């Protein structure tokens, strides 16, 4: 069963959710960096191949798996709260809500102070409207 958030409940959840989203964003950036290091080492690029051993590559891969596990836990924390993660890079999420008898999304992303946006279920970020316009 999906939980439906009021605006106040969504805003109250933001400190914990923001912490998860910042961690996910940072972990994603680190995972990309490590992936690129592994790819460069495997390509035999002279700039990176010197000094990179099989053990180093194995260590990088283990670190990547650790980051993936951490990210899965973070996403799981959002799922447990019935919050939909739309984009890690910008920290875009949707809270399920009800308005005038229909289901909508309360929309928020990192950097915004409060939940001030909403959109219909079939609309994405481009369909966001201010809560003041909710009818």
N, C-alpha and C. Protein backbone atom coordinates (compact mmCIF):
# COMPACT_ATOMS: atom_id res chain seq x y z
N UNK A 1 0.84 -1.18 0.00
CA UNK A 1 0.00 0.00 0.00
C UNK A 1 0.88 1.24 0.00
N UNK A 2 0.59 2.15 -0.86
CA UNK A 2 1.36 3.38 -0.97
C UNK A 2 0.94 4.37 0.11
N UNK A 3 1.92 4.96 0.69
CA UNK A 3 1.68 6.03 1.65
C UNK A 3 1.47 7.31 0.87
N UNK A 4 0.54 8.13 1.31
CA UNK A 4 0.34 9.43 0.71
C UNK A 4 0.80 10.50 1.69
N UNK A 5 1.62 11.40 1.21
CA UNK A 5 2.20 12.45 2.04
C UNK A 5 1.36 13.72 1.97
N UNK A 6 1.22 14.37 3.11
CA UNK A 6 0.74 15.75 3.11
C UNK A 6 1.96 16.62 2.82
N UNK A 7 1.73 17.87 2.52
CA UNK A 7 2.85 18.79 2.27
C UNK A 7 3.72 18.90 3.52
N UNK A 8 3.09 18.99 4.68
CA UNK A 8 3.85 19.10 5.93
C UNK A 8 4.68 17.84 6.18
N UNK A 9 4.11 16.66 5.91
CA UNK A 9 4.85 15.41 6.11
C UNK A 9 6.03 15.32 5.15
N UNK A 10 5.84 15.73 3.91
CA UNK A 10 6.94 15.71 2.94
C UNK A 10 8.05 16.66 3.38
N UNK A 11 7.68 17.85 3.81
CA UNK A 11 8.69 18.81 4.28
C UNK A 11 9.42 18.29 5.52
N UNK A 12 8.68 17.62 6.41
CA UNK A 12 9.31 17.08 7.62
C UNK A 12 10.30 15.97 7.29
N UNK A 13 10.09 15.26 6.20
CA UNK A 13 10.98 14.17 5.79
C UNK A 13 12.25 14.67 5.12
N UNK A 14 12.26 15.91 4.68
CA UNK A 14 13.38 16.43 3.87
C UNK A 14 14.76 16.32 4.51
N UNK A 15 14.95 16.60 5.78
CA UNK A 15 16.32 16.49 6.33
C UNK A 15 16.91 15.09 6.15
N UNK A 16 16.16 14.05 6.48
CA UNK A 16 16.65 12.68 6.31
C UNK A 16 16.82 12.33 4.84
N UNK A 17 15.86 12.72 4.03
CA UNK A 17 15.90 12.42 2.60
C UNK A 17 17.06 13.16 1.94
N UNK A 18 17.27 14.40 2.32
CA UNK A 18 18.38 15.17 1.75
C UNK A 18 19.72 14.49 2.04
N UNK A 19 19.88 14.00 3.26
CA UNK A 19 21.11 13.29 3.62
C UNK A 19 21.33 12.07 2.71
N UNK A 20 20.27 11.31 2.49
CA UNK A 20 20.36 10.14 1.60
C UNK A 20 20.73 10.57 0.18
N UNK A 21 20.08 11.61 -0.31
CA UNK A 21 20.31 12.05 -1.69
C UNK A 21 21.72 12.60 -1.90
N UNK A 22 22.23 13.35 -0.93
CA UNK A 22 23.60 13.85 -1.04
C UNK A 22 24.58 12.69 -1.05
N UNK A 23 24.35 11.70 -0.19
CA UNK A 23 25.22 10.52 -0.17
C UNK A 23 25.16 9.78 -1.50
N UNK A 24 23.96 9.59 -2.03
CA UNK A 24 23.82 8.90 -3.32
C UNK A 24 24.55 9.65 -4.43
N UNK A 25 24.40 10.97 -4.44
CA UNK A 25 25.07 11.77 -5.48
C UNK A 25 26.58 11.64 -5.38
N UNK A 26 27.11 11.73 -4.15
CA UNK A 26 28.56 11.62 -3.95
C UNK A 26 29.06 10.22 -4.28
N UNK A 27 28.31 9.20 -3.89
CA UNK A 27 28.70 7.82 -4.19
C UNK A 27 28.68 7.57 -5.70
N UNK A 28 27.70 8.13 -6.38
CA UNK A 28 27.62 7.98 -7.83
C UNK A 28 28.85 8.60 -8.50
N UNK A 29 29.23 9.79 -8.06
CA UNK A 29 30.40 10.46 -8.63
C UNK A 29 31.67 9.63 -8.40
N UNK A 30 31.81 9.09 -7.19
CA UNK A 30 32.97 8.26 -6.88
C UNK A 30 32.96 6.97 -7.69
N UNK A 31 31.80 6.38 -7.87
CA UNK A 31 31.69 5.16 -8.66
C UNK A 31 32.10 5.41 -10.11
N UNK A 32 31.69 6.51 -10.67
CA UNK A 32 32.07 6.86 -12.04
C UNK A 32 33.58 7.06 -12.13
N UNK A 33 34.15 7.75 -11.14
CA UNK A 33 35.60 7.98 -11.13
C UNK A 33 36.36 6.65 -11.08
N UNK A 34 35.93 5.75 -10.21
CA UNK A 34 36.59 4.44 -10.10
C UNK A 34 36.41 3.61 -11.37
N UNK A 35 35.21 3.66 -11.94
CA UNK A 35 34.95 2.94 -13.20
C UNK A 35 35.91 3.41 -14.29
N UNK A 36 36.12 4.72 -14.36
CA UNK A 36 37.02 5.27 -15.37
C UNK A 36 38.46 4.83 -15.12
N UNK A 37 38.87 4.78 -13.85
CA UNK A 37 40.22 4.31 -13.53
C UNK A 37 40.41 2.85 -13.94
N UNK A 38 39.42 2.02 -13.68
CA UNK A 38 39.52 0.61 -14.07
C UNK A 38 39.57 0.49 -15.59
N UNK A 39 38.75 1.24 -16.28
CA UNK A 39 38.72 1.19 -17.74
C UNK A 39 40.06 1.63 -18.33
N UNK A 40 40.64 2.68 -17.77
CA UNK A 40 41.94 3.15 -18.26
C UNK A 40 43.02 2.12 -18.00
N UNK A 41 42.98 1.50 -16.83
CA UNK A 41 43.99 0.48 -16.51
C UNK A 41 43.86 -0.72 -17.44
N UNK A 42 42.64 -1.09 -17.79
CA UNK A 42 42.43 -2.25 -18.66
C UNK A 42 42.74 -1.94 -20.11
N UNK A 43 42.66 -0.67 -20.48
CA UNK A 43 42.93 -0.31 -21.87
C UNK A 43 44.42 -0.30 -22.18
N UNK A 44 45.22 -0.33 -21.12
CA UNK A 44 46.66 -0.32 -21.33
C UNK A 44 47.19 1.05 -21.69
N UNK A 45 46.43 2.09 -21.37
CA UNK A 45 46.87 3.45 -21.62
C UNK A 45 48.20 3.69 -20.92
N UNK A 46 49.20 4.18 -21.64
CA UNK A 46 50.51 4.40 -21.04
C UNK A 46 50.47 5.30 -19.80
N UNK A 47 49.58 6.26 -19.80
CA UNK A 47 49.52 7.20 -18.67
C UNK A 47 49.06 6.51 -17.40
N UNK A 48 48.19 5.50 -17.55
CA UNK A 48 47.65 4.86 -16.35
C UNK A 48 48.19 3.46 -16.15
N UNK A 49 48.63 2.82 -17.20
CA UNK A 49 49.08 1.43 -17.08
C UNK A 49 50.31 1.32 -16.20
N UNK A 50 51.19 2.30 -16.29
CA UNK A 50 52.39 2.22 -15.46
C UNK A 50 52.00 2.35 -13.99
N UNK A 51 52.42 1.41 -13.22
CA UNK A 51 52.14 1.44 -11.80
C UNK A 51 50.81 0.85 -11.39
N UNK A 52 49.97 0.47 -12.34
CA UNK A 52 48.68 -0.14 -12.00
C UNK A 52 48.82 -1.64 -12.09
N UNK A 53 48.59 -2.31 -10.99
CA UNK A 53 48.73 -3.76 -10.96
C UNK A 53 47.36 -4.41 -10.95
N UNK A 54 47.35 -5.71 -11.14
CA UNK A 54 46.11 -6.47 -11.07
C UNK A 54 45.49 -6.32 -9.69
N UNK A 55 46.32 -6.30 -8.65
CA UNK A 55 45.83 -6.12 -7.29
C UNK A 55 45.17 -4.76 -7.13
N UNK A 56 45.75 -3.72 -7.76
CA UNK A 56 45.15 -2.39 -7.71
C UNK A 56 43.77 -2.39 -8.36
N UNK A 57 43.68 -3.03 -9.51
CA UNK A 57 42.41 -3.10 -10.21
C UNK A 57 41.38 -3.87 -9.38
N UNK A 58 41.80 -4.94 -8.75
CA UNK A 58 40.91 -5.71 -7.88
C UNK A 58 40.43 -4.85 -6.72
N UNK A 59 41.31 -4.07 -6.14
CA UNK A 59 40.93 -3.18 -5.04
C UNK A 59 39.92 -2.14 -5.51
N UNK A 60 40.14 -1.60 -6.70
CA UNK A 60 39.19 -0.63 -7.26
C UNK A 60 37.82 -1.26 -7.45
N UNK A 61 37.81 -2.49 -7.96
CA UNK A 61 36.54 -3.19 -8.18
C UNK A 61 35.83 -3.48 -6.86
N UNK A 62 36.58 -3.83 -5.83
CA UNK A 62 35.98 -4.07 -4.52
C UNK A 62 35.38 -2.77 -3.96
N UNK A 63 36.09 -1.68 -4.15
CA UNK A 63 35.58 -0.37 -3.72
C UNK A 63 34.31 -0.02 -4.49
N UNK A 64 34.29 -0.33 -5.78
CA UNK A 64 33.10 -0.07 -6.59
C UNK A 64 31.91 -0.88 -6.06
N UNK A 65 32.14 -2.14 -5.74
CA UNK A 65 31.05 -2.97 -5.22
C UNK A 65 30.55 -2.44 -3.88
N UNK A 66 31.46 -1.97 -3.04
CA UNK A 66 31.08 -1.38 -1.76
C UNK A 66 30.18 -0.16 -1.99
N UNK A 67 30.55 0.69 -2.95
CA UNK A 67 29.74 1.87 -3.27
C UNK A 67 28.36 1.47 -3.79
N UNK A 68 28.34 0.46 -4.64
CA UNK A 68 27.06 -0.03 -5.17
C UNK A 68 26.17 -0.52 -4.03
N UNK A 69 26.75 -1.25 -3.10
CA UNK A 69 25.99 -1.74 -1.94
C UNK A 69 25.45 -0.58 -1.12
N UNK A 70 26.27 0.44 -0.90
CA UNK A 70 25.83 1.62 -0.15
C UNK A 70 24.70 2.33 -0.88
N UNK A 71 24.82 2.45 -2.20
CA UNK A 71 23.80 3.11 -2.99
C UNK A 71 22.48 2.33 -2.94
N UNK A 72 22.57 1.02 -3.03
CA UNK A 72 21.35 0.20 -2.94
C UNK A 72 20.67 0.39 -1.59
N UNK A 73 21.45 0.51 -0.53
CA UNK A 73 20.88 0.76 0.80
C UNK A 73 20.20 2.13 0.85
N UNK A 74 20.82 3.13 0.25
CA UNK A 74 20.22 4.46 0.22
C UNK A 74 18.92 4.49 -0.55
N UNK A 75 18.91 3.85 -1.71
CA UNK A 75 17.68 3.77 -2.50
C UNK A 75 16.63 2.99 -1.72
N UNK A 76 17.05 1.94 -1.05
CA UNK A 76 16.13 1.16 -0.23
C UNK A 76 15.49 2.01 0.87
N UNK A 77 16.26 2.92 1.44
CA UNK A 77 15.72 3.82 2.45
C UNK A 77 14.63 4.72 1.90
N UNK A 78 14.78 5.13 0.66
CA UNK A 78 13.73 5.94 0.01
C UNK A 78 12.51 5.08 -0.29
N UNK A 79 12.74 3.89 -0.81
CA UNK A 79 11.64 2.98 -1.14
C UNK A 79 10.82 2.66 0.11
N UNK A 80 11.50 2.43 1.22
CA UNK A 80 10.80 2.15 2.48
C UNK A 80 9.88 3.29 2.88
N UNK A 81 10.21 4.49 2.48
CA UNK A 81 9.39 5.66 2.80
C UNK A 81 8.38 5.96 1.68
N UNK A 82 8.30 5.10 0.68
CA UNK A 82 7.42 5.28 -0.48
C UNK A 82 7.75 6.56 -1.26
N UNK A 83 9.03 6.92 -1.28
CA UNK A 83 9.50 8.09 -2.03
C UNK A 83 10.14 7.56 -3.31
N UNK A 84 9.78 8.18 -4.43
CA UNK A 84 10.29 7.75 -5.73
C UNK A 84 11.49 8.59 -6.12
N UNK A 85 12.62 7.92 -6.33
CA UNK A 85 13.83 8.59 -6.79
C UNK A 85 13.76 8.72 -8.30
N UNK A 86 13.86 9.93 -8.79
CA UNK A 86 13.80 10.17 -10.24
C UNK A 86 15.19 10.35 -10.85
N UNK A 87 16.09 11.01 -10.12
CA UNK A 87 17.42 11.27 -10.67
C UNK A 87 18.41 11.48 -9.54
N UNK A 88 19.46 10.68 -9.53
CA UNK A 88 20.47 10.81 -8.48
C UNK A 88 21.26 12.10 -8.64
N UNK A 89 21.65 12.41 -9.86
CA UNK A 89 22.54 13.53 -10.11
C UNK A 89 22.02 14.85 -9.55
N UNK A 90 20.72 15.11 -9.72
CA UNK A 90 20.14 16.36 -9.23
C UNK A 90 19.37 16.16 -7.92
N UNK A 91 19.27 14.92 -7.45
CA UNK A 91 18.52 14.65 -6.24
C UNK A 91 17.03 14.87 -6.40
N UNK A 92 16.50 14.49 -7.54
CA UNK A 92 15.08 14.70 -7.85
C UNK A 92 14.26 13.53 -7.32
N UNK A 93 13.24 13.86 -6.50
CA UNK A 93 12.37 12.84 -5.94
C UNK A 93 10.92 13.28 -6.03
N UNK A 94 10.02 12.30 -5.89
CA UNK A 94 8.59 12.56 -5.82
C UNK A 94 8.00 11.85 -4.61
N UNK A 95 7.13 12.57 -3.91
CA UNK A 95 6.36 12.02 -2.81
C UNK A 95 4.95 11.75 -3.33
N UNK A 96 4.40 10.57 -3.12
CA UNK A 96 3.00 10.34 -3.51
C UNK A 96 2.07 11.15 -2.59
N UNK A 97 1.05 11.74 -3.17
CA UNK A 97 0.12 12.57 -2.40
C UNK A 97 -1.27 12.48 -3.04
N UNK A 98 -2.24 12.95 -2.29
CA UNK A 98 -3.61 13.04 -2.79
C UNK A 98 -4.02 14.50 -2.78
N UNK A 99 -4.71 14.91 -3.83
CA UNK A 99 -5.24 16.27 -3.90
C UNK A 99 -6.58 16.22 -4.62
N UNK A 100 -7.58 16.70 -3.97
CA UNK A 100 -8.92 16.74 -4.55
C UNK A 100 -9.36 15.37 -5.07
N UNK A 101 -9.04 14.33 -4.31
CA UNK A 101 -9.47 12.98 -4.65
C UNK A 101 -8.66 12.28 -5.73
N UNK A 102 -7.57 12.86 -6.16
CA UNK A 102 -6.73 12.20 -7.18
C UNK A 102 -5.29 12.14 -6.69
N UNK A 103 -4.59 11.14 -7.17
CA UNK A 103 -3.19 10.98 -6.79
C UNK A 103 -2.34 11.91 -7.64
N UNK A 104 -1.38 12.55 -6.96
CA UNK A 104 -0.41 13.43 -7.62
C UNK A 104 0.97 13.13 -7.04
N UNK A 105 1.96 13.80 -7.57
CA UNK A 105 3.31 13.75 -7.02
C UNK A 105 3.66 15.11 -6.45
N UNK A 106 4.17 15.12 -5.21
CA UNK A 106 4.82 16.31 -4.66
C UNK A 106 6.28 16.19 -5.07
N UNK A 107 6.79 17.20 -5.73
CA UNK A 107 8.09 17.12 -6.40
C UNK A 107 9.11 18.01 -5.67
N UNK A 108 10.31 17.46 -5.46
CA UNK A 108 11.37 18.19 -4.78
C UNK A 108 12.71 17.73 -5.32
N UNK A 109 13.69 18.64 -5.30
CA UNK A 109 15.07 18.25 -5.65
C UNK A 109 16.05 19.01 -4.76
N UNK A 110 17.25 18.44 -4.69
CA UNK A 110 18.30 19.04 -3.88
C UNK A 110 18.47 20.51 -4.23
N UNK A 111 18.64 21.32 -3.19
CA UNK A 111 18.83 22.75 -3.38
C UNK A 111 17.57 23.56 -3.15
N UNK A 112 16.42 22.90 -3.18
CA UNK A 112 15.17 23.60 -2.91
C UNK A 112 14.94 23.60 -1.39
N UNK A 113 14.37 24.68 -0.89
CA UNK A 113 14.16 24.80 0.56
C UNK A 113 13.05 23.89 1.06
N UNK A 114 11.93 23.90 0.38
CA UNK A 114 10.75 23.14 0.79
C UNK A 114 10.13 22.48 -0.42
N UNK A 115 9.17 21.63 -0.15
CA UNK A 115 8.38 21.03 -1.23
C UNK A 115 7.39 22.11 -1.68
N UNK A 116 7.64 22.69 -2.83
CA UNK A 116 6.80 23.77 -3.37
C UNK A 116 6.20 23.44 -4.73
N UNK A 117 6.43 22.21 -5.20
CA UNK A 117 6.03 21.84 -6.56
C UNK A 117 5.22 20.55 -6.55
N UNK A 118 4.42 20.35 -7.58
CA UNK A 118 3.66 19.13 -7.76
C UNK A 118 3.51 18.88 -9.26
N UNK A 119 3.13 17.66 -9.60
CA UNK A 119 2.77 17.36 -10.99
C UNK A 119 1.87 16.13 -11.02
N UNK A 120 1.16 15.98 -12.12
CA UNK A 120 0.28 14.83 -12.32
C UNK A 120 1.13 13.57 -12.44
N UNK A 121 0.49 12.42 -12.25
CA UNK A 121 1.22 11.15 -12.29
C UNK A 121 1.94 10.93 -13.61
N UNK A 122 1.33 11.30 -14.71
CA UNK A 122 1.93 11.06 -16.03
C UNK A 122 2.91 12.12 -16.48
N UNK A 123 3.01 13.19 -15.72
CA UNK A 123 3.92 14.27 -16.09
C UNK A 123 5.24 14.11 -15.36
N UNK A 124 6.27 14.61 -15.94
CA UNK A 124 7.58 14.60 -15.30
C UNK A 124 7.94 15.98 -14.80
N UNK A 125 9.23 16.17 -14.66
CA UNK A 125 9.76 17.43 -14.13
C UNK A 125 9.27 18.63 -14.93
N UNK A 126 9.16 18.48 -16.23
CA UNK A 126 8.73 19.61 -17.07
C UNK A 126 7.28 20.00 -16.81
N UNK A 127 6.51 19.10 -16.19
CA UNK A 127 5.11 19.40 -15.89
C UNK A 127 4.90 19.94 -14.49
N UNK A 128 5.99 20.27 -13.80
CA UNK A 128 5.85 20.76 -12.43
C UNK A 128 5.12 22.10 -12.40
N UNK A 129 4.32 22.25 -11.35
CA UNK A 129 3.62 23.51 -11.12
C UNK A 129 3.73 23.84 -9.63
N UNK A 130 3.63 25.11 -9.31
CA UNK A 130 3.68 25.53 -7.90
C UNK A 130 2.48 24.96 -7.15
N UNK A 131 2.70 24.65 -5.88
CA UNK A 131 1.60 24.15 -5.05
C UNK A 131 0.45 25.15 -4.99
N UNK A 132 0.75 26.43 -5.09
CA UNK A 132 -0.29 27.45 -5.07
C UNK A 132 -1.25 27.29 -6.25
N UNK A 133 -0.79 26.63 -7.32
CA UNK A 133 -1.63 26.43 -8.50
C UNK A 133 -2.41 25.11 -8.45
N UNK A 134 -2.28 24.37 -7.38
CA UNK A 134 -2.94 23.07 -7.25
C UNK A 134 -4.44 23.26 -7.08
N UNK A 135 -5.18 22.69 -8.01
CA UNK A 135 -6.65 22.75 -7.93
C UNK A 135 -7.26 21.38 -8.04
